[in-house]
């Protein structure tokens, strides 16, 4: 059993604030998927059976609650916002992108190899 799928008391409290078992289980799945992967993916196509069974057992809910769950609902969008906030994440802004480009330009690119250096490295590897 995967230990990362176990809920701590703070996570459980947050999950129990959702109305109804279906929403609680869906929120728990999103929470753990985000915690493990660092992003939200197409949950309905990649739902890990072990994750679902572990969470449903901890929450004393039936895993079948999510068989026909609508992963494209407005509730899911709200859950994702709440989960990002729970973990202290936020969606990047245009200003974040500009700061990132500035950082890359000043700190990383000056240390990057030139095209000639890359070709020389390739020549040494394949000669």
Protein backbone atom coordinates (compact mmCIF):
# COMPACT_ATOMS: atom_id res chain seq x y z
CA UNK A 1 0.00 0.00 0.00
CA UNK A 2 1.30 3.44 -0.92
CA UNK A 3 1.94 5.56 2.21
CA UNK A 4 1.55 8.80 0.25
CA UNK A 5 -2.13 7.96 -0.14
CA UNK A 6 -2.80 8.19 3.59
CA UNK A 7 -4.62 11.27 4.82
CA UNK A 8 -3.41 13.31 7.76
CA UNK A 9 -5.82 14.98 10.16
CA UNK A 10 -5.63 18.37 8.42
CA UNK A 11 -6.40 16.81 5.01
CA UNK A 12 -9.24 14.75 6.49
CA UNK A 13 -10.75 17.84 8.12
CA UNK A 14 -10.60 19.74 4.82
CA UNK A 15 -12.19 16.82 2.95
CA UNK A 16 -15.01 16.43 5.50
CA UNK A 17 -16.04 20.05 4.83
CA UNK A 18 -17.39 18.94 1.43
CA UNK A 19 -21.08 18.14 1.18
CA UNK A 20 -21.81 14.47 0.48
CA UNK A 21 -19.65 11.39 0.15
CA UNK A 22 -19.22 11.72 -3.61
CA UNK A 23 -17.76 15.23 -3.28
CA UNK A 24 -15.60 14.21 -0.34
CA UNK A 25 -14.09 11.29 -2.23
CA UNK A 26 -13.56 13.33 -5.40
CA UNK A 27 -11.89 16.10 -3.38
CA UNK A 28 -9.66 13.54 -1.66
CA UNK A 29 -8.61 12.06 -5.01
CA UNK A 30 -7.78 15.49 -6.41
CA UNK A 31 -5.93 16.44 -3.24
CA UNK A 32 -3.71 13.35 -3.29
CA UNK A 33 -3.16 13.44 -7.05
CA UNK A 34 -2.00 17.04 -6.76
CA UNK A 35 0.18 16.20 -3.76
CA UNK A 36 1.80 13.27 -5.59
CA UNK A 37 2.04 14.69 -9.13
CA UNK A 38 2.21 18.44 -8.53
CA UNK A 39 -0.51 19.09 -11.09
CA UNK A 40 -4.03 18.11 -12.07
CA UNK A 41 -4.42 15.77 -15.02
CA UNK A 42 -7.37 14.10 -16.65
CA UNK A 43 -8.40 12.25 -13.49
CA UNK A 44 -11.24 10.25 -15.00
CA UNK A 45 -8.87 8.55 -17.44
CA UNK A 46 -6.03 7.88 -15.02
CA UNK A 47 -7.76 7.12 -11.73
CA UNK A 48 -5.46 4.81 -9.80
CA UNK A 49 -7.41 1.92 -8.26
CA UNK A 50 -5.06 1.72 -5.26
CA UNK A 51 -5.49 5.45 -4.62
CA UNK A 52 -9.26 5.22 -4.84
CA UNK A 53 -9.49 2.15 -2.60
CA UNK A 54 -7.09 3.58 0.00
CA UNK A 55 -8.93 6.89 0.20
CA UNK A 56 -12.40 5.38 0.23
CA UNK A 57 -11.40 3.03 3.07
CA UNK A 58 -9.98 5.91 5.13
CA UNK A 59 -13.08 8.01 4.58
CA UNK A 60 -15.43 5.05 5.06
CA UNK A 61 -16.99 5.69 1.64
CA UNK A 62 -17.71 3.37 -1.27
CA UNK A 63 -15.32 3.78 -4.19
CA UNK A 64 -18.26 3.23 -6.56
CA UNK A 65 -19.39 6.77 -5.74
CA UNK A 66 -17.00 7.99 -8.42
CA UNK A 67 -18.01 5.57 -11.19
CA UNK A 68 -20.03 8.20 -13.03
CA UNK A 69 -18.62 11.32 -11.45
CA UNK A 70 -18.50 14.47 -13.59
CA UNK A 71 -14.82 15.53 -13.48
CA UNK A 72 -15.59 18.57 -15.68
CA UNK A 73 -18.03 20.26 -13.29
CA UNK A 74 -17.74 23.69 -11.73
CA UNK A 75 -17.32 21.94 -8.38
CA UNK A 76 -14.09 20.40 -9.66
CA UNK A 77 -12.79 23.82 -10.68
CA UNK A 78 -13.59 25.09 -7.17
CA UNK A 79 -11.96 22.01 -5.58
CA UNK A 80 -8.80 22.63 -7.61
CA UNK A 81 -8.65 26.25 -6.47
CA UNK A 82 -9.12 25.16 -2.84
CA UNK A 83 -6.43 22.49 -3.15
CA UNK A 84 -3.93 24.92 -4.66
CA UNK A 85 -4.66 27.28 -1.79
CA UNK A 86 -4.38 24.42 0.74
CA UNK A 87 -0.87 23.66 -0.51
CA UNK A 88 0.09 27.32 -0.98
CA UNK A 89 0.14 27.26 -4.79
CA UNK A 90 -1.36 29.75 -7.17
CA UNK A 91 -1.70 29.93 -10.92
CA UNK A 92 1.15 31.85 -12.56
CA UNK A 93 0.55 35.37 -13.79
CA UNK A 94 1.96 37.26 -16.76
CA UNK A 95 4.25 39.05 -14.31
CA UNK A 96 5.51 35.65 -13.07
CA UNK A 97 6.35 34.74 -16.67
CA UNK A 98 8.24 37.99 -17.16
CA UNK A 99 10.21 37.45 -13.93
CA UNK A 100 11.01 33.89 -15.02
CA UNK A 101 12.28 35.06 -18.43
CA UNK A 102 14.39 37.72 -16.73
CA UNK A 103 15.86 35.13 -14.35
CA UNK A 104 16.61 32.72 -17.21
CA UNK A 105 18.23 35.46 -19.25
CA UNK A 106 20.45 36.69 -16.42
CA UNK A 107 21.24 33.51 -14.47
CA UNK A 108 20.92 30.47 -16.70
CA UNK A 109 21.51 31.39 -20.34
CA UNK A 110 24.93 32.97 -19.74
CA UNK A 111 26.07 29.57 -18.42
CA UNK A 112 24.47 27.58 -21.23
CA UNK A 113 26.75 26.01 -23.83
CA UNK A 114 26.94 27.58 -27.26
CA UNK A 115 25.89 25.72 -30.40
CA UNK A 116 29.57 25.15 -31.22
CA UNK A 117 30.20 23.69 -27.75
CA UNK A 118 27.21 21.36 -28.18
CA UNK A 119 28.53 20.14 -31.53
CA UNK A 120 31.98 19.55 -30.05
CA UNK A 121 30.43 17.52 -27.24
CA UNK A 122 28.44 15.45 -29.73
CA UNK A 123 31.60 14.83 -31.74
CA UNK A 124 33.45 13.56 -28.67
CA UNK A 125 30.58 11.29 -27.64
CA UNK A 126 30.05 9.71 -31.09
CA UNK A 127 33.63 9.54 -32.34
